[in-house]
PDB file of N, CA and C in Angstrom:
ATOM      1  N   MET A   1      -3.240   5.139 -13.737  1.00  0.00           N
ATOM      2  CA  MET A   1      -2.421   4.592 -12.675  1.00  0.00           C
ATOM      3  C   MET A   1      -3.294   4.377 -11.442  1.00  0.00           C
ATOM      4  N   THR A   2      -3.250   3.191 -10.894  1.00  0.00           N
ATOM      5  CA  THR A   2      -3.972   2.865  -9.666  1.00  0.00           C
ATOM      6  C   THR A   2      -2.981   2.897  -8.507  1.00  0.00           C
ATOM      7  N   THR A   3      -3.398   3.503  -7.399  1.00  0.00           N
ATOM      8  CA  THR A   3      -2.510   3.586  -6.242  1.00  0.00           C
ATOM      9  C   THR A   3      -3.089   2.819  -5.054  1.00  0.00           C
ATOM     10  N   LEU A   4      -2.242   2.565  -4.090  1.00  0.00           N
ATOM     11  CA  LEU A   4      -2.658   1.869  -2.880  1.00  0.00           C
ATOM     12  C   LEU A   4      -3.757   2.636  -2.150  1.00  0.00           C
ATOM     13  N   ARG A   5      -3.771   3.930  -2.279  1.00  0.00           N
ATOM     14  CA  ARG A   5      -4.787   4.772  -1.635  1.00  0.00           C
ATOM     15  C   ARG A   5      -6.198   4.378  -2.082  1.00  0.00           C
ATOM     16  N   GLU A   6      -6.343   3.869  -3.310  1.00  0.00           N
ATOM     17  CA  GLU A   6      -7.646   3.524  -3.880  1.00  0.00           C
ATOM     18  C   GLU A   6      -8.067   2.080  -3.613  1.00  0.00           C
ATOM     19  N   LEU A   7      -7.202   1.278  -3.037  1.00  0.00           N
ATOM     20  CA  LEU A   7      -7.493  -0.136  -2.804  1.00  0.00           C
ATOM     21  C   LEU A   7      -8.505  -0.294  -1.672  1.00  0.00           C
ATOM     22  N   PRO A   8      -9.616  -0.986  -1.921  1.00  0.00           N
ATOM     23  CA  PRO A   8     -10.613  -1.165  -0.854  1.00  0.00           C
ATOM     24  C   PRO A   8     -10.142  -2.150   0.216  1.00  0.00           C
ATOM     25  N   ALA A   9     -10.688  -2.010   1.407  1.00  0.00           N
ATOM     26  CA  ALA A   9     -10.347  -2.902   2.514  1.00  0.00           C
ATOM     27  C   ALA A   9     -10.641  -4.347   2.144  1.00  0.00           C
ATOM     28  N   GLY A  10      -9.727  -5.236   2.503  1.00  0.00           N
ATOM     29  CA  GLY A  10      -9.888  -6.655   2.220  1.00  0.00           C
ATOM     30  C   GLY A  10      -9.337  -7.084   0.877  1.00  0.00           C
ATOM     31  N   SER A  11      -8.873  -6.146   0.066  1.00  0.00           N
ATOM     32  CA  SER A  11      -8.353  -6.469  -1.261  1.00  0.00           C
ATOM     33  C   SER A  11      -6.831  -6.509  -1.251  1.00  0.00           C
ATOM     34  N   ALA A  12      -6.306  -7.251  -2.212  1.00  0.00           N
ATOM     35  CA  ALA A  12      -4.855  -7.373  -2.345  1.00  0.00           C
ATOM     36  C   ALA A  12      -4.437  -6.988  -3.753  1.00  0.00           C
ATOM     37  N   ALA A  13      -3.199  -6.567  -3.884  1.00  0.00           N
ATOM     38  CA  ALA A  13      -2.647  -6.197  -5.185  1.00  0.00           C
ATOM     39  C   ALA A  13      -1.138  -6.368  -5.121  1.00  0.00           C
ATOM     40  N   LYS A  14      -0.493  -6.211  -6.262  1.00  0.00           N
ATOM     41  CA  LYS A  14       0.967  -6.261  -6.312  1.00  0.00           C
ATOM     42  C   LYS A  14       1.513  -4.858  -6.498  1.00  0.00           C
ATOM     43  N   VAL A  15       2.597  -4.579  -5.812  1.00  0.00           N
ATOM     44  CA  VAL A  15       3.261  -3.289  -5.942  1.00  0.00           C
ATOM     45  C   VAL A  15       3.951  -3.242  -7.298  1.00  0.00           C
ATOM     46  N   ILE A  16       3.724  -2.163  -8.041  1.00  0.00           N
ATOM     47  CA  ILE A  16       4.379  -1.947  -9.328  1.00  0.00           C
ATOM     48  C   ILE A  16       5.575  -1.018  -9.158  1.00  0.00           C
ATOM     49  N   ARG A  17       5.344   0.086  -8.430  1.00  0.00           N
ATOM     50  CA  ARG A  17       6.394   1.101  -8.302  1.00  0.00           C
ATOM     51  C   ARG A  17       6.096   2.013  -7.121  1.00  0.00           C
ATOM     52  N   VAL A  18       7.146   2.507  -6.487  1.00  0.00           N
ATOM     53  CA  VAL A  18       7.017   3.539  -5.467  1.00  0.00           C
ATOM     54  C   VAL A  18       7.511   4.827  -6.111  1.00  0.00           C
ATOM     55  N   HIS A  19       6.613   5.783  -6.279  1.00  0.00           N
ATOM     56  CA  HIS A  19       6.954   7.042  -6.932  1.00  0.00           C
ATOM     57  C   HIS A  19       7.660   7.986  -5.977  1.00  0.00           C
ATOM     58  N   GLY A  20       8.535   8.795  -6.512  1.00  0.00           N
ATOM     59  CA  GLY A  20       9.260   9.775  -5.721  1.00  0.00           C
ATOM     60  C   GLY A  20      10.671   9.319  -5.437  1.00  0.00           C
ATOM     61  N   ASP A  21      11.482  10.261  -5.066  1.00  0.00           N
ATOM     62  CA  ASP A  21      12.872   9.927  -4.751  1.00  0.00           C
ATOM     63  C   ASP A  21      13.299  10.564  -3.431  1.00  0.00           C
ATOM     64  N   GLY A  22      12.318  10.851  -2.610  1.00  0.00           N
ATOM     65  CA  GLY A  22      12.594  11.463  -1.319  1.00  0.00           C
ATOM     66  C   GLY A  22      12.787  10.449  -0.219  1.00  0.00           C
ATOM     67  N   VAL A  23      12.865  10.963   0.980  1.00  0.00           N
ATOM     68  CA  VAL A  23      13.093  10.144   2.169  1.00  0.00           C
ATOM     69  C   VAL A  23      11.943   9.161   2.385  1.00  0.00           C
ATOM     70  N   VAL A  24      10.711   9.604   2.159  1.00  0.00           N
ATOM     71  CA  VAL A  24       9.540   8.758   2.404  1.00  0.00           C
ATOM     72  C   VAL A  24       9.544   7.546   1.469  1.00  0.00           C
ATOM     73  N   SER A  25       9.761   7.760   0.179  1.00  0.00           N
ATOM     74  CA  SER A  25       9.747   6.630  -0.755  1.00  0.00           C
ATOM     75  C   SER A  25      10.907   5.673  -0.475  1.00  0.00           C
ATOM     76  N   LYS A  26      12.042   6.203  -0.097  1.00  0.00           N
ATOM     77  CA  LYS A  26      13.180   5.339   0.248  1.00  0.00           C
ATOM     78  C   LYS A  26      12.852   4.500   1.480  1.00  0.00           C
ATOM     79  N   ARG A  27      12.237   5.120   2.471  1.00  0.00           N
ATOM     80  CA  ARG A  27      11.877   4.404   3.704  1.00  0.00           C
ATOM     81  C   ARG A  27      10.840   3.318   3.433  1.00  0.00           C
ATOM     82  N   LEU A  28       9.854   3.613   2.568  1.00  0.00           N
ATOM     83  CA  LEU A  28       8.858   2.606   2.204  1.00  0.00           C
ATOM     84  C   LEU A  28       9.525   1.389   1.579  1.00  0.00           C
ATOM     85  N   MET A  29      10.472   1.612   0.688  1.00  0.00           N
ATOM     86  CA  MET A  29      11.169   0.492   0.049  1.00  0.00           C
ATOM     87  C   MET A  29      12.016  -0.282   1.051  1.00  0.00           C
ATOM     88  N   GLU A  30      12.607   0.407   2.030  1.00  0.00           N
ATOM     89  CA  GLU A  30      13.365  -0.277   3.076  1.00  0.00           C
ATOM     90  C   GLU A  30      12.470  -1.173   3.926  1.00  0.00           C
ATOM     91  N   MET A  31      11.181  -0.805   4.041  1.00  0.00           N
ATOM     92  CA  MET A  31      10.238  -1.594   4.829  1.00  0.00           C
ATOM     93  C   MET A  31       9.597  -2.719   4.010  1.00  0.00           C
ATOM     94  N   GLY A  32      10.022  -2.901   2.762  1.00  0.00           N
ATOM     95  CA  GLY A  32       9.535  -4.019   1.969  1.00  0.00           C
ATOM     96  C   GLY A  32       8.531  -3.669   0.895  1.00  0.00           C
ATOM     97  N   VAL A  33       8.202  -2.408   0.740  1.00  0.00           N
ATOM     98  CA  VAL A  33       7.265  -1.991  -0.303  1.00  0.00           C
ATOM     99  C   VAL A  33       8.078  -1.853  -1.594  1.00  0.00           C
ATOM    100  N   ILE A  34       8.308  -3.005  -2.241  1.00  0.00           N
ATOM    101  CA  ILE A  34       9.120  -3.045  -3.453  1.00  0.00           C
ATOM    102  C   ILE A  34       8.328  -3.694  -4.584  1.00  0.00           C
ATOM    103  N   PRO A  35       8.673  -3.397  -5.822  1.00  0.00           N
ATOM    104  CA  PRO A  35       7.941  -3.976  -6.956  1.00  0.00           C
ATOM    105  C   PRO A  35       7.867  -5.504  -6.889  1.00  0.00           C
ATOM    106  N   GLY A  36       6.668  -6.025  -7.174  1.00  0.00           N
ATOM    107  CA  GLY A  36       6.431  -7.466  -7.176  1.00  0.00           C
ATOM    108  C   GLY A  36       5.903  -8.022  -5.873  1.00  0.00           C
ATOM    109  N   THR A  37       5.922  -7.232  -4.819  1.00  0.00           N
ATOM    110  CA  THR A  37       5.461  -7.685  -3.509  1.00  0.00           C
ATOM    111  C   THR A  37       3.949  -7.550  -3.408  1.00  0.00           C
ATOM    112  N   GLU A  38       3.307  -8.573  -2.835  1.00  0.00           N
ATOM    113  CA  GLU A  38       1.857  -8.496  -2.620  1.00  0.00           C
ATOM    114  C   GLU A  38       1.579  -7.652  -1.388  1.00  0.00           C
ATOM    115  N   ILE A  39       0.561  -6.808  -1.490  1.00  0.00           N
ATOM    116  CA  ILE A  39       0.161  -5.941  -0.386  1.00  0.00           C
ATOM    117  C   ILE A  39      -1.357  -6.022  -0.229  1.00  0.00           C
ATOM    118  N   ARG A  40      -1.833  -6.094   1.003  1.00  0.00           N
ATOM    119  CA  ARG A  40      -3.269  -6.236   1.283  1.00  0.00           C
ATOM    120  C   ARG A  40      -3.741  -5.078   2.160  1.00  0.00           C
ATOM    121  N   MET A  41      -4.831  -4.461   1.745  1.00  0.00           N
ATOM    122  CA  MET A  41      -5.427  -3.385   2.542  1.00  0.00           C
ATOM    123  C   MET A  41      -6.263  -4.022   3.650  1.00  0.00           C
ATOM    124  N   ILE A  42      -5.936  -3.751   4.878  1.00  0.00           N
ATOM    125  CA  ILE A  42      -6.676  -4.301   6.015  1.00  0.00           C
ATOM    126  C   ILE A  42      -7.829  -3.365   6.377  1.00  0.00           C
ATOM    127  N   LYS A  43      -7.513  -2.126   6.706  1.00  0.00           N
ATOM    128  CA  LYS A  43      -8.558  -1.157   7.068  1.00  0.00           C
ATOM    129  C   LYS A  43      -7.961   0.236   7.081  1.00  0.00           C
ATOM    130  N   SER A  44      -8.853   1.219   7.163  1.00  0.00           N
ATOM    131  CA  SER A  44      -8.395   2.590   7.330  1.00  0.00           C
ATOM    132  C   SER A  44      -9.172   3.230   8.471  1.00  0.00           C
ATOM    133  N   ALA A  45      -8.602   4.238   9.058  1.00  0.00           N
ATOM    134  CA  ALA A  45      -9.236   4.944  10.162  1.00  0.00           C
ATOM    135  C   ALA A  45     -10.522   5.620   9.671  1.00  0.00           C
ATOM    136  N   PRO A  46     -11.383   6.030  10.575  1.00  0.00           N
ATOM    137  CA  PRO A  46     -12.672   6.616  10.180  1.00  0.00           C
ATOM    138  C   PRO A  46     -12.583   7.736   9.141  1.00  0.00           C
ATOM    139  N   PHE A  47     -11.577   8.578   9.214  1.00  0.00           N
ATOM    140  CA  PHE A  47     -11.437   9.653   8.241  1.00  0.00           C
ATOM    141  C   PHE A  47     -10.413   9.295   7.168  1.00  0.00           C
ATOM    142  N   GLY A  48     -10.019   8.016   7.108  1.00  0.00           N
ATOM    143  CA  GLY A  48      -9.134   7.531   6.056  1.00  0.00           C
ATOM    144  C   GLY A  48      -7.651   7.628   6.348  1.00  0.00           C
ATOM    145  N   ASP A  49      -7.269   8.176   7.473  1.00  0.00           N
ATOM    146  CA  ASP A  49      -5.850   8.353   7.753  1.00  0.00           C
ATOM    147  C   ASP A  49      -5.562   7.980   9.190  1.00  0.00           C
ATOM    148  N   PRO A  50      -4.722   7.056   9.516  1.00  0.00           N
ATOM    149  CA  PRO A  50      -3.878   6.244   8.646  1.00  0.00           C
ATOM    150  C   PRO A  50      -4.595   5.011   8.122  1.00  0.00           C
ATOM    151  N   MET A  51      -3.894   4.294   7.245  1.00  0.00           N
ATOM    152  CA  MET A  51      -4.406   3.049   6.671  1.00  0.00           C
ATOM    153  C   MET A  51      -3.523   1.908   7.174  1.00  0.00           C
ATOM    154  N   GLN A  52      -4.122   0.755   7.407  1.00  0.00           N
ATOM    155  CA  GLN A  52      -3.356  -0.412   7.827  1.00  0.00           C
ATOM    156  C   GLN A  52      -3.275  -1.380   6.656  1.00  0.00           C
ATOM    157  N   VAL A  53      -2.039  -1.761   6.296  1.00  0.00           N
ATOM    158  CA  VAL A  53      -1.827  -2.732   5.225  1.00  0.00           C
ATOM    159  C   VAL A  53      -1.002  -3.886   5.765  1.00  0.00           C
ATOM    160  N   ARG A  54      -1.041  -4.976   5.052  1.00  0.00           N
ATOM    161  CA  ARG A  54      -0.265  -6.162   5.423  1.00  0.00           C
ATOM    162  C   ARG A  54       0.690  -6.449   4.275  1.00  0.00           C
ATOM    163  N   ILE A  55       1.973  -6.541   4.585  1.00  0.00           N
ATOM    164  CA  ILE A  55       2.990  -6.803   3.575  1.00  0.00           C
ATOM    165  C   ILE A  55       4.112  -7.620   4.200  1.00  0.00           C
ATOM    166  N   LEU A  56       4.555  -8.651   3.490  1.00  0.00           N
ATOM    167  CA  LEU A  56       5.648  -9.508   3.952  1.00  0.00           C
ATOM    168  C   LEU A  56       5.434 -10.061   5.357  1.00  0.00           C
ATOM    169  N   GLY A  57       4.178 -10.337   5.700  1.00  0.00           N
ATOM    170  CA  GLY A  57       3.869 -10.959   6.981  1.00  0.00           C
ATOM    171  C   GLY A  57       3.747 -10.016   8.164  1.00  0.00           C
ATOM    172  N   TYR A  58       3.795  -8.729   7.950  1.00  0.00           N
ATOM    173  CA  TYR A  58       3.617  -7.801   9.067  1.00  0.00           C
ATOM    174  C   TYR A  58       2.665  -6.674   8.676  1.00  0.00           C
ATOM    175  N   SER A  59       2.120  -6.002   9.687  1.00  0.00           N
ATOM    176  CA  SER A  59       1.206  -4.884   9.463  1.00  0.00           C
ATOM    177  C   SER A  59       1.990  -3.581   9.440  1.00  0.00           C
ATOM    178  N   LEU A  60       1.532  -2.687   8.575  1.00  0.00           N
ATOM    179  CA  LEU A  60       2.195  -1.400   8.402  1.00  0.00           C
ATOM    180  C   LEU A  60       1.122  -0.322   8.335  1.00  0.00           C
ATOM    181  N   ALA A  61       1.308   0.763   9.047  1.00  0.00           N
ATOM    182  CA  ALA A  61       0.379   1.891   8.997  1.00  0.00           C
ATOM    183  C   ALA A  61       0.960   2.949   8.076  1.00  0.00           C
ATOM    184  N   LEU A  62       0.134   3.430   7.143  1.00  0.00           N
ATOM    185  CA  LEU A  62       0.567   4.433   6.177  1.00  0.00           C
ATOM    186  C   LEU A  62      -0.393   5.608   6.161  1.00  0.00           C
ATOM    187  N   ARG A  63       0.130   6.781   5.895  1.00  0.00           N
ATOM    188  CA  ARG A  63      -0.721   7.946   5.664  1.00  0.00           C
ATOM    189  C   ARG A  63      -1.275   7.853   4.247  1.00  0.00           C
ATOM    190  N   ARG A  64      -2.376   8.534   4.004  1.00  0.00           N
ATOM    191  CA  ARG A  64      -2.988   8.505   2.660  1.00  0.00           C
ATOM    192  C   ARG A  64      -2.048   9.066   1.599  1.00  0.00           C
ATOM    193  N   ASN A  65      -1.297  10.097   1.921  1.00  0.00           N
ATOM    194  CA  ASN A  65      -0.377  10.655   0.923  1.00  0.00           C
ATOM    195  C   ASN A  65       0.774   9.700   0.619  1.00  0.00           C
ATOM    196  N   GLU A  66       1.197   8.912   1.595  1.00  0.00           N
ATOM    197  CA  GLU A  66       2.215   7.886   1.350  1.00  0.00           C
ATOM    198  C   GLU A  66       1.648   6.784   0.467  1.00  0.00           C
ATOM    199  N   ALA A  67       0.404   6.354   0.754  1.00  0.00           N
ATOM    200  CA  ALA A  67      -0.240   5.315  -0.043  1.00  0.00           C
ATOM    201  C   ALA A  67      -0.448   5.770  -1.481  1.00  0.00           C
ATOM    202  N   ALA A  68      -0.640   7.065  -1.690  1.00  0.00           N
ATOM    203  CA  ALA A  68      -0.840   7.589  -3.039  1.00  0.00           C
ATOM    204  C   ALA A  68       0.424   7.511  -3.878  1.00  0.00           C
ATOM    205  N   SER A  69       1.576   7.361  -3.254  1.00  0.00           N
ATOM    206  CA  SER A  69       2.824   7.260  -4.005  1.00  0.00           C
ATOM    207  C   SER A  69       3.162   5.826  -4.395  1.00  0.00           C
ATOM    208  N   ILE A  70       2.322   4.864  -3.979  1.00  0.00           N
ATOM    209  CA  ILE A  70       2.576   3.449  -4.277  1.00  0.00           C
ATOM    210  C   ILE A  70       1.648   3.004  -5.399  1.00  0.00           C
ATOM    211  N   GLU A  71       2.215   2.753  -6.559  1.00  0.00           N
ATOM    212  CA  GLU A  71       1.448   2.281  -7.715  1.00  0.00           C
ATOM    213  C   GLU A  71       1.265   0.776  -7.599  1.00  0.00           C
ATOM    214  N   ILE A  72       0.045   0.302  -7.834  1.00  0.00           N
ATOM    215  CA  ILE A  72      -0.260  -1.121  -7.709  1.00  0.00           C
ATOM    216  C   ILE A  72      -0.819  -1.681  -9.007  1.00  0.00           C
ATOM    217  N   ALA A  73      -0.730  -3.008  -9.143  1.00  0.00           N
ATOM    218  CA  ALA A  73      -1.296  -3.703 -10.292  1.00  0.00           C
ATOM    219  C   ALA A  73      -2.779  -3.940 -10.036  1.00  0.00           C
ATOM    220  N   ALA A  74      -3.447  -4.499 -11.010  1.00  0.00           N
ATOM    221  CA  ALA A  74      -4.873  -4.807 -10.887  1.00  0.00           C
ATOM    222  C   ALA A  74      -5.114  -5.599  -9.606  1.00  0.00           C
ATOM    223  N   MET A  75      -6.259  -5.345  -9.004  1.00  0.00           N
ATOM    224  CA  MET A  75      -6.606  -6.006  -7.756  1.00  0.00           C
ATOM    225  C   MET A  75      -6.757  -7.502  -7.983  1.00  0.00           C
ATOM    226  N   LEU A  76      -6.253  -8.280  -7.019  1.00  0.00           N
ATOM    227  CA  LEU A  76      -6.281  -9.727  -7.144  1.00  0.00           C
ATOM    228  C   LEU A  76      -7.585 -10.309  -6.639  1.00  0.00           C
ATOM    229  N   THR A  77      -7.759 -10.359  -5.345  1.00  0.00           N
ATOM    230  CA  THR A  77      -8.966 -10.930  -4.765  1.00  0.00           C
ATOM    231  C   THR A  77      -9.477 -10.047  -3.645  1.00  0.00           C
ATOM    232  N   SER A  78     -10.728 -10.207  -3.325  1.00  0.00           N
ATOM    233  CA  SER A  78     -11.297  -9.470  -2.196  1.00  0.00           C
ATOM    234  C   SER A  78     -11.694 -10.452  -1.113  1.00  0.00           C
ATOM    235  N   ARG A  79     -11.197 -10.215   0.087  1.00  0.00           N
ATOM    236  CA  ARG A  79     -11.572 -10.983   1.256  1.00  0.00           C
ATOM    237  C   ARG A  79     -11.796 -10.010   2.388  1.00  0.00           C
ATOM    238  N   VAL A  80     -12.897 -10.160   3.091  1.00  0.00           N
ATOM    239  CA  VAL A  80     -13.176  -9.251   4.208  1.00  0.00           C
ATOM    240  C   VAL A  80     -12.988  -9.965   5.508  1.00  0.00           C
TER     241      VAL A  80
END
């Protein structure tokens, strides 16, 4: 299983699944992190937390543990 946490900066992938059934996973899905949606890793902070991603035309900051709950498909393209 590949997660958003492992996606390098500048790369894009498709969301497969958001794991968990808690408040955090529900909130992620409310913000548009749903299966089939393209998500792009923009950058991460110097120590890796938080990470900035682009989804549905807006930027979203995620913690590494939140990104680890998002399963993604094979990486599409890399653009820096």
